[in-house]
């Protein structure tokens, strides 16, 4: 329950900041692609940096919370997915 609530709060926060930067506006996306306005690119870089810092801090404080181990590869699933797409 706590994980679901935290997920919703993080999603609402990200949605708020995406709207604040106007990242969903087609004009703003075009300006970013033409490198005229870098606000969305800066927002994405800041989001990744904050995420990396938070994951690192959690791994130091409580490593049992994170499951950052390498998952096994499902070769059949990958091949089928490659054929479909």
PDB file of N, CA and C in Angstrom:
ATOM      1  N   UNK A   1       0.826  -1.198   0.000  1.00  0.00           N
ATOM      2  CA  UNK A   1       0.000   0.000   0.000  1.00  0.00           C
ATOM      3  C   UNK A   1       0.861   1.250   0.000  1.00  0.00           C
ATOM      4  N   UNK A   2       1.914   1.228   0.823  1.00  0.00           N
ATOM      5  CA  UNK A   2       2.802   2.382   0.899  1.00  0.00           C
ATOM      6  C   UNK A   2       3.533   2.607  -0.420  1.00  0.00           C
ATOM      7  N   UNK A   3       3.918   1.514  -1.080  1.00  0.00           N
ATOM      8  CA  UNK A   3       4.616   1.634  -2.365  1.00  0.00           C
ATOM      9  C   UNK A   3       3.681   2.237  -3.412  1.00  0.00           C
ATOM     10  N   UNK A   4       2.432   1.825  -3.415  1.00  0.00           N
ATOM     11  CA  UNK A   4       1.465   2.369  -4.370  1.00  0.00           C
ATOM     12  C   UNK A   4       1.234   3.852  -4.135  1.00  0.00           C
ATOM     13  N   UNK A   5       1.107   4.236  -2.883  1.00  0.00           N
ATOM     14  CA  UNK A   5       0.903   5.642  -2.559  1.00  0.00           C
ATOM     15  C   UNK A   5       2.120   6.474  -2.954  1.00  0.00           C
ATOM     16  N   UNK A   6       3.294   5.955  -2.679  1.00  0.00           N
ATOM     17  CA  UNK A   6       4.521   6.662  -3.049  1.00  0.00           C
ATOM     18  C   UNK A   6       4.634   6.781  -4.565  1.00  0.00           C
ATOM     19  N   UNK A   7       4.250   5.745  -5.283  1.00  0.00           N
ATOM     20  CA  UNK A   7       4.288   5.781  -6.747  1.00  0.00           C
ATOM     21  C   UNK A   7       3.344   6.840  -7.300  1.00  0.00           C
ATOM     22  N   UNK A   8       2.160   6.932  -6.728  1.00  0.00           N
ATOM     23  CA  UNK A   8       1.197   7.944  -7.174  1.00  0.00           C
ATOM     24  C   UNK A   8       1.725   9.343  -6.868  1.00  0.00           C
ATOM     25  N   UNK A   9       2.292   9.550  -5.701  1.00  0.00           N
ATOM     26  CA  UNK A   9       2.828  10.862  -5.347  1.00  0.00           C
ATOM     27  C   UNK A   9       3.986  11.266  -6.266  1.00  0.00           C
ATOM     28  N   UNK A  10       4.856  10.330  -6.578  1.00  0.00           N
ATOM     29  CA  UNK A  10       5.964  10.635  -7.481  1.00  0.00           C
ATOM     30  C   UNK A  10       5.430  10.947  -8.880  1.00  0.00           C
ATOM     31  N   UNK A  11       4.443  10.195  -9.336  1.00  0.00           N
ATOM     32  CA  UNK A  11       3.839  10.451 -10.643  1.00  0.00           C
ATOM     33  C   UNK A  11       3.159  11.804 -10.726  1.00  0.00           C
ATOM     34  N   UNK A  12       2.440  12.178  -9.677  1.00  0.00           N
ATOM     35  CA  UNK A  12       1.788  13.488  -9.648  1.00  0.00           C
ATOM     36  C   UNK A  12       2.836  14.597  -9.630  1.00  0.00           C
ATOM     37  N   UNK A  13       3.887  14.407  -8.854  1.00  0.00           N
ATOM     38  CA  UNK A  13       4.959  15.405  -8.812  1.00  0.00           C
ATOM     39  C   UNK A  13       5.640  15.568 -10.162  1.00  0.00           C
ATOM     40  N   UNK A  14       5.943  14.440 -10.810  1.00  0.00           N
ATOM     41  CA  UNK A  14       6.568  14.519 -12.130  1.00  0.00           C
ATOM     42  C   UNK A  14       5.629  15.168 -13.137  1.00  0.00           C
ATOM     43  N   UNK A  15       4.356  14.815 -13.084  1.00  0.00           N
ATOM     44  CA  UNK A  15       3.384  15.434 -13.985  1.00  0.00           C
ATOM     45  C   UNK A  15       3.281  16.927 -13.771  1.00  0.00           C
ATOM     46  N   UNK A  16       3.322  17.362 -12.510  1.00  0.00           N
ATOM     47  CA  UNK A  16       3.281  18.790 -12.206  1.00  0.00           C
ATOM     48  C   UNK A  16       4.474  19.508 -12.827  1.00  0.00           C
ATOM     49  N   UNK A  17       5.663  18.938 -12.644  1.00  0.00           N
ATOM     50  CA  UNK A  17       6.852  19.607 -13.167  1.00  0.00           C
ATOM     51  C   UNK A  17       6.918  19.546 -14.695  1.00  0.00           C
ATOM     52  N   UNK A  18       6.407  18.476 -15.287  1.00  0.00           N
ATOM     53  CA  UNK A  18       6.361  18.405 -16.750  1.00  0.00           C
ATOM     54  C   UNK A  18       5.435  19.491 -17.297  1.00  0.00           C
ATOM     55  N   UNK A  19       4.296  19.708 -16.630  1.00  0.00           N
ATOM     56  CA  UNK A  19       3.399  20.776 -17.041  1.00  0.00           C
ATOM     57  C   UNK A  19       4.015  22.152 -16.783  1.00  0.00           C
ATOM     58  N   UNK A  20       4.743  22.266 -15.693  1.00  0.00           N
ATOM     59  CA  UNK A  20       5.384  23.543 -15.339  1.00  0.00           C
ATOM     60  C   UNK A  20       6.417  23.954 -16.388  1.00  0.00           C
ATOM     61  N   UNK A  21       7.148  22.986 -16.910  1.00  0.00           N
ATOM     62  CA  UNK A  21       8.159  23.252 -17.932  1.00  0.00           C
ATOM     63  C   UNK A  21       7.513  23.332 -19.313  1.00  0.00           C
ATOM     64  N   UNK A  22       6.249  22.980 -19.416  1.00  0.00           N
ATOM     65  CA  UNK A  22       5.479  22.933 -20.663  1.00  0.00           C
ATOM     66  C   UNK A  22       6.081  21.929 -21.636  1.00  0.00           C
ATOM     67  N   UNK A  23       6.511  20.785 -21.104  1.00  0.00           N
ATOM     68  CA  UNK A  23       7.143  19.764 -21.931  1.00  0.00           C
ATOM     69  C   UNK A  23       6.146  19.043 -22.824  1.00  0.00           C
ATOM     70  N   UNK A  24       4.858  19.154 -22.541  1.00  0.00           N
ATOM     71  CA  UNK A  24       3.866  18.464 -23.359  1.00  0.00           C
ATOM     72  C   UNK A  24       3.369  19.312 -24.522  1.00  0.00           C
ATOM     73  N   UNK A  25       3.846  20.526 -24.627  1.00  0.00           N
ATOM     74  CA  UNK A  25       3.437  21.418 -25.705  1.00  0.00           C
ATOM     75  C   UNK A  25       4.206  21.087 -26.985  1.00  0.00           C
ATOM     76  N   UNK A  26       3.509  20.879 -28.096  1.00  0.00           N
ATOM     77  CA  UNK A  26       4.215  20.595 -29.347  1.00  0.00           C
ATOM     78  C   UNK A  26       5.184  21.708 -29.758  1.00  0.00           C
ATOM     79  N   UNK A  27       4.820  22.957 -29.493  1.00  0.00           N
ATOM     80  CA  UNK A  27       5.717  24.068 -29.831  1.00  0.00           C
ATOM     81  C   UNK A  27       6.996  24.002 -29.000  1.00  0.00           C
ATOM     82  N   UNK A  28       6.858  23.654 -27.720  1.00  0.00           N
ATOM     83  CA  UNK A  28       8.032  23.557 -26.855  1.00  0.00           C
ATOM     84  C   UNK A  28       8.921  22.384 -27.275  1.00  0.00           C
ATOM     85  N   UNK A  29       8.306  21.281 -27.683  1.00  0.00           N
ATOM     86  CA  UNK A  29       9.083  20.137 -28.154  1.00  0.00           C
ATOM     87  C   UNK A  29       9.857  20.516 -29.409  1.00  0.00           C
ATOM     88  N   UNK A  30       9.222  21.241 -30.322  1.00  0.00           N
ATOM     89  CA  UNK A  30       9.906  21.673 -31.547  1.00  0.00           C
ATOM     90  C   UNK A  30      11.059  22.618 -31.215  1.00  0.00           C
ATOM     91  N   UNK A  31      10.849  23.536 -30.265  1.00  0.00           N
ATOM     92  CA  UNK A  31      11.925  24.451 -29.868  1.00  0.00           C
ATOM     93  C   UNK A  31      13.096  23.684 -29.258  1.00  0.00           C
ATOM     94  N   UNK A  32      12.801  22.644 -28.494  1.00  0.00           N
ATOM     95  CA  UNK A  32      13.863  21.842 -27.906  1.00  0.00           C
ATOM     96  C   UNK A  32      14.632  21.079 -28.978  1.00  0.00           C
ATOM     97  N   UNK A  33      13.933  20.563 -29.968  1.00  0.00           N
ATOM     98  CA  UNK A  33      14.601  19.834 -31.046  1.00  0.00           C
ATOM     99  C   UNK A  33      15.466  20.757 -31.894  1.00  0.00           C
ATOM    100  N   UNK A  34      15.056  22.019 -32.009  1.00  0.00           N
ATOM    101  CA  UNK A  34      15.860  22.998 -32.743  1.00  0.00           C
ATOM    102  C   UNK A  34      16.916  23.664 -31.862  1.00  0.00           C
ATOM    103  N   UNK A  35      16.980  23.235 -30.580  1.00  0.00           N
ATOM    104  CA  UNK A  35      17.925  23.772 -29.581  1.00  0.00           C
ATOM    105  C   UNK A  35      17.753  25.270 -29.364  1.00  0.00           C
ATOM    106  N   UNK A  36      16.511  25.755 -29.484  1.00  0.00           N
ATOM    107  CA  UNK A  36      16.213  27.152 -29.211  1.00  0.00           C
ATOM    108  C   UNK A  36      15.869  27.375 -27.745  1.00  0.00           C
ATOM    109  N   UNK A  37      15.216  26.395 -27.129  1.00  0.00           N
ATOM    110  CA  UNK A  37      14.825  26.480 -25.734  1.00  0.00           C
ATOM    111  C   UNK A  37      15.170  25.144 -25.090  1.00  0.00           C
ATOM    112  N   UNK A  38      16.069  25.141 -24.136  1.00  0.00           N
ATOM    113  CA  UNK A  38      16.577  23.906 -23.567  1.00  0.00           C
ATOM    114  C   UNK A  38      15.932  23.538 -22.232  1.00  0.00           C
ATOM    115  N   UNK A  39      14.781  24.098 -21.909  1.00  0.00           N
ATOM    116  CA  UNK A  39      14.181  23.858 -20.603  1.00  0.00           C
ATOM    117  C   UNK A  39      13.789  22.396 -20.401  1.00  0.00           C
ATOM    118  N   UNK A  40      13.254  21.747 -21.415  1.00  0.00           N
ATOM    119  CA  UNK A  40      12.851  20.348 -21.277  1.00  0.00           C
ATOM    120  C   UNK A  40      14.081  19.454 -21.143  1.00  0.00           C
ATOM    121  N   UNK A  41      15.119  19.750 -21.914  1.00  0.00           N
ATOM    122  CA  UNK A  41      16.350  18.968 -21.826  1.00  0.00           C
ATOM    123  C   UNK A  41      16.984  19.132 -20.446  1.00  0.00           C
ATOM    124  N   UNK A  42      16.987  20.356 -19.923  1.00  0.00           N
ATOM    125  CA  UNK A  42      17.514  20.585 -18.576  1.00  0.00           C
ATOM    126  C   UNK A  42      16.681  19.841 -17.531  1.00  0.00           C
ATOM    127  N   UNK A  43      15.368  19.843 -17.698  1.00  0.00           N
ATOM    128  CA  UNK A  43      14.495  19.138 -16.765  1.00  0.00           C
ATOM    129  C   UNK A  43      14.773  17.641 -16.788  1.00  0.00           C
ATOM    130  N   UNK A  44      14.951  17.075 -17.977  1.00  0.00           N
ATOM    131  CA  UNK A  44      15.223  15.644 -18.077  1.00  0.00           C
ATOM    132  C   UNK A  44      16.575  15.308 -17.447  1.00  0.00           C
ATOM    133  N   UNK A  45      17.576  16.159 -17.667  1.00  0.00           N
ATOM    134  CA  UNK A  45      18.895  15.916 -17.073  1.00  0.00           C
ATOM    135  C   UNK A  45      18.825  16.020 -15.553  1.00  0.00           C
ATOM    136  N   UNK A  46      18.103  17.008 -15.040  1.00  0.00           N
ATOM    137  CA  UNK A  46      17.950  17.163 -13.596  1.00  0.00           C
ATOM    138  C   UNK A  46      17.217  15.966 -12.992  1.00  0.00           C
ATOM    139  N   UNK A  47      16.186  15.493 -13.672  1.00  0.00           N
ATOM    140  CA  UNK A  47      15.436  14.337 -13.186  1.00  0.00           C
ATOM    141  C   UNK A  47      16.322  13.097 -13.110  1.00  0.00           C
ATOM    142  N   UNK A  48      17.142  12.873 -14.129  1.00  0.00           N
ATOM    143  CA  UNK A  48      18.037  11.714 -14.103  1.00  0.00           C
ATOM    144  C   UNK A  48      19.083  11.844 -13.000  1.00  0.00           C
ATOM    145  N   UNK A  49      19.623  13.049 -12.817  1.00  0.00           N
ATOM    146  CA  UNK A  49      20.636  13.250 -11.777  1.00  0.00           C
ATOM    147  C   UNK A  49      20.047  13.036 -10.387  1.00  0.00           C
ATOM    148  N   UNK A  50      18.865  13.570 -10.140  1.00  0.00           N
ATOM    149  CA  UNK A  50      18.225  13.392  -8.838  1.00  0.00           C
ATOM    150  C   UNK A  50      17.904  11.917  -8.612  1.00  0.00           C
ATOM    151  N   UNK A  51      17.434  11.235  -9.648  1.00  0.00           N
ATOM    152  CA  UNK A  51      17.143   9.809  -9.526  1.00  0.00           C
ATOM    153  C   UNK A  51      18.387   8.997  -9.191  1.00  0.00           C
ATOM    154  N   UNK A  52      19.510   9.323  -9.837  1.00  0.00           N
ATOM    155  CA  UNK A  52      20.750   8.603  -9.544  1.00  0.00           C
ATOM    156  C   UNK A  52      21.200   8.834  -8.108  1.00  0.00           C
ATOM    157  N   UNK A  53      21.087  10.066  -7.636  1.00  0.00           N
ATOM    158  CA  UNK A  53      21.493  10.385  -6.268  1.00  0.00           C
ATOM    159  C   UNK A  53      20.595   9.673  -5.267  1.00  0.00           C
ATOM    160  N   UNK A  54      19.296   9.646  -5.522  1.00  0.00           N
ATOM    161  CA  UNK A  54      18.357   8.986  -4.608  1.00  0.00           C
ATOM    162  C   UNK A  54      18.603   7.480  -4.569  1.00  0.00           C
ATOM    163  N   UNK A  55      18.820   6.864  -5.725  1.00  0.00           N
ATOM    164  CA  UNK A  55      19.081   5.420  -5.752  1.00  0.00           C
ATOM    165  C   UNK A  55      20.384   5.110  -5.029  1.00  0.00           C
ATOM    166  N   UNK A  56      21.405   5.934  -5.232  1.00  0.00           N
ATOM    167  CA  UNK A  56      22.679   5.711  -4.547  1.00  0.00           C
ATOM    168  C   UNK A  56      22.514   5.857  -3.037  1.00  0.00           C
ATOM    169  N   UNK A  57      21.778   6.877  -2.599  1.00  0.00           N
ATOM    170  CA  UNK A  57      21.556   7.078  -1.169  1.00  0.00           C
ATOM    171  C   UNK A  57      20.787   5.910  -0.561  1.00  0.00           C
ATOM    172  N   UNK A  58      19.770   5.433  -1.263  1.00  0.00           N
ATOM    173  CA  UNK A  58      18.997   4.294  -0.748  1.00  0.00           C
ATOM    174  C   UNK A  58      19.871   3.049  -0.690  1.00  0.00           C
ATOM    175  N   UNK A  59      20.747   2.871  -1.687  1.00  0.00           N
ATOM    176  CA  UNK A  59      21.614   1.685  -1.671  1.00  0.00           C
ATOM    177  C   UNK A  59      22.614   1.741  -0.531  1.00  0.00           C
ATOM    178  N   UNK A  60      22.981   2.936  -0.074  1.00  0.00           N
ATOM    179  CA  UNK A  60      23.879   3.057   1.072  1.00  0.00           C
ATOM    180  C   UNK A  60      23.150   2.834   2.393  1.00  0.00           C
ATOM    181  N   UNK A  61      21.947   3.379   2.486  1.00  0.00           N
ATOM    182  CA  UNK A  61      21.200   3.348   3.741  1.00  0.00           C
ATOM    183  C   UNK A  61      20.528   1.994   3.956  1.00  0.00           C
ATOM    184  N   UNK A  62      19.804   1.528   2.960  1.00  0.00           N
ATOM    185  CA  UNK A  62      19.037   0.279   3.087  1.00  0.00           C
ATOM    186  C   UNK A  62      19.127  -0.520   1.793  1.00  0.00           C
ATOM    187  N   UNK A  63      20.218  -1.233   1.570  1.00  0.00           N
ATOM    188  CA  UNK A  63      20.374  -1.953   0.299  1.00  0.00           C
ATOM    189  C   UNK A  63      19.359  -3.074   0.082  1.00  0.00           C
ATOM    190  N   UNK A  64      18.722  -3.555   1.129  1.00  0.00           N
ATOM    191  CA  UNK A  64      17.746  -4.634   0.965  1.00  0.00           C
ATOM    192  C   UNK A  64      16.468  -4.141   0.284  1.00  0.00           C
ATOM    193  N   UNK A  65      16.244  -2.831   0.254  1.00  0.00           N
ATOM    194  CA  UNK A  65      15.049  -2.294  -0.397  1.00  0.00           C
ATOM    195  C   UNK A  65      15.156  -2.406  -1.916  1.00  0.00           C
ATOM    196  N   UNK A  66      16.338  -2.132  -2.438  1.00  0.00           N
ATOM    197  CA  UNK A  66      16.551  -2.159  -3.882  1.00  0.00           C
ATOM    198  C   UNK A  66      16.926  -3.563  -4.346  1.00  0.00           C
ATOM    199  N   UNK A  67      16.461  -3.913  -5.504  1.00  0.00           N
ATOM    200  CA  UNK A  67      16.809  -5.194  -6.110  1.00  0.00           C
ATOM    201  C   UNK A  67      17.519  -4.892  -7.426  1.00  0.00           C
ATOM    202  N   UNK A  68      18.794  -4.514  -7.344  1.00  0.00           N
ATOM    203  CA  UNK A  68      19.534  -4.094  -8.518  1.00  0.00           C
ATOM    204  C   UNK A  68      20.390  -5.217  -9.098  1.00  0.00           C
ATOM    205  N   UNK A  69      19.975  -6.449  -8.894  1.00  0.00           N
ATOM    206  CA  UNK A  69      20.737  -7.554  -9.438  1.00  0.00           C
ATOM    207  C   UNK A  69      20.398  -7.743 -10.920  1.00  0.00           C
ATOM    208  N   UNK A  70      21.270  -8.411 -11.638  1.00  0.00           N
ATOM    209  CA  UNK A  70      21.069  -8.664 -13.054  1.00  0.00           C
ATOM    210  C   UNK A  70      20.038  -9.770 -13.216  1.00  0.00           C
ATOM    211  N   UNK A  71      19.027  -9.497 -13.995  1.00  0.00           N
ATOM    212  CA  UNK A  71      17.956 -10.461 -14.210  1.00  0.00           C
ATOM    213  C   UNK A  71      18.362 -11.449 -15.308  1.00  0.00           C
ATOM    214  N   UNK A  72      17.826 -12.669 -15.258  1.00  0.00           N
ATOM    215  CA  UNK A  72      18.161 -13.641 -16.307  1.00  0.00           C
ATOM    216  C   UNK A  72      17.517 -13.246 -17.640  1.00  0.00           C
ATOM    217  N   UNK A  73      18.172 -13.608 -18.718  1.00  0.00           N
ATOM    218  CA  UNK A  73      17.660 -13.307 -20.050  1.00  0.00           C
ATOM    219  C   UNK A  73      16.750 -14.441 -20.513  1.00  0.00           C
ATOM    220  N   UNK A  74      15.594 -14.088 -21.005  1.00  0.00           N
ATOM    221  CA  UNK A  74      14.656 -15.062 -21.559  1.00  0.00           C
ATOM    222  C   UNK A  74      14.815 -15.037 -23.076  1.00  0.00           C
ATOM    223  N   UNK A  75      15.647 -15.931 -23.575  1.00  0.00           N
ATOM    224  CA  UNK A  75      16.024 -15.924 -24.986  1.00  0.00           C
ATOM    225  C   UNK A  75      14.808 -16.123 -25.884  1.00  0.00           C
ATOM    226  N   UNK A  76      13.931 -17.033 -25.523  1.00  0.00           N
ATOM    227  CA  UNK A  76      12.755 -17.301 -26.359  1.00  0.00           C
ATOM    228  C   UNK A  76      11.867 -16.058 -26.427  1.00  0.00           C
ATOM    229  N   UNK A  77      11.655 -15.412 -25.289  1.00  0.00           N
ATOM    230  CA  UNK A  77      10.838 -14.208 -25.264  1.00  0.00           C
ATOM    231  C   UNK A  77      11.458 -13.076 -26.072  1.00  0.00           C
ATOM    232  N   UNK A  78      12.756 -12.931 -25.990  1.00  0.00           N
ATOM    233  CA  UNK A  78      13.442 -11.885 -26.750  1.00  0.00           C
ATOM    234  C   UNK A  78      13.338 -12.156 -28.246  1.00  0.00           C
ATOM    235  N   UNK A  79      13.527 -13.396 -28.633  1.00  0.00           N
ATOM    236  CA  UNK A  79      13.429 -13.757 -30.051  1.00  0.00           C
ATOM    237  C   UNK A  79      12.010 -13.547 -30.588  1.00  0.00           C
ATOM    238  N   UNK A  80      11.020 -13.967 -29.808  1.00  0.00           N
ATOM    239  CA  UNK A  80       9.635 -13.767 -30.240  1.00  0.00           C
ATOM    240  C   UNK A  80       9.294 -12.281 -30.341  1.00  0.00           C
ATOM    241  N   UNK A  81       9.742 -11.512 -29.357  1.00  0.00           N
ATOM    242  CA  UNK A  81       9.515 -10.077 -29.399  1.00  0.00           C
ATOM    243  C   UNK A  81      10.195  -9.427 -30.587  1.00  0.00           C
ATOM    244  N   UNK A  82      11.411  -9.900 -30.910  1.00  0.00           N
ATOM    245  CA  UNK A  82      12.120  -9.372 -32.071  1.00  0.00           C
ATOM    246  C   UNK A  82      11.403  -9.705 -33.379  1.00  0.00           C
ATOM    247  N   UNK A  83      10.817 -10.879 -33.433  1.00  0.00           N
ATOM    248  CA  UNK A  83      10.084 -11.255 -34.644  1.00  0.00           C
ATOM    249  C   UNK A  83       8.795 -10.463 -34.785  1.00  0.00           C
ATOM    250  N   UNK A  84       8.125 -10.195 -33.676  1.00  0.00           N
ATOM    251  CA  UNK A  84       6.865  -9.462 -33.719  1.00  0.00           C
ATOM    252  C   UNK A  84       7.101  -8.006 -34.104  1.00  0.00           C
ATOM    253  N   UNK A  85       8.131  -7.402 -33.543  1.00  0.00           N
ATOM    254  CA  UNK A  85       8.357  -5.982 -33.794  1.00  0.00           C
ATOM    255  C   UNK A  85       9.482  -5.781 -34.768  1.00  0.00           C
TER     256      UNK A  85
END
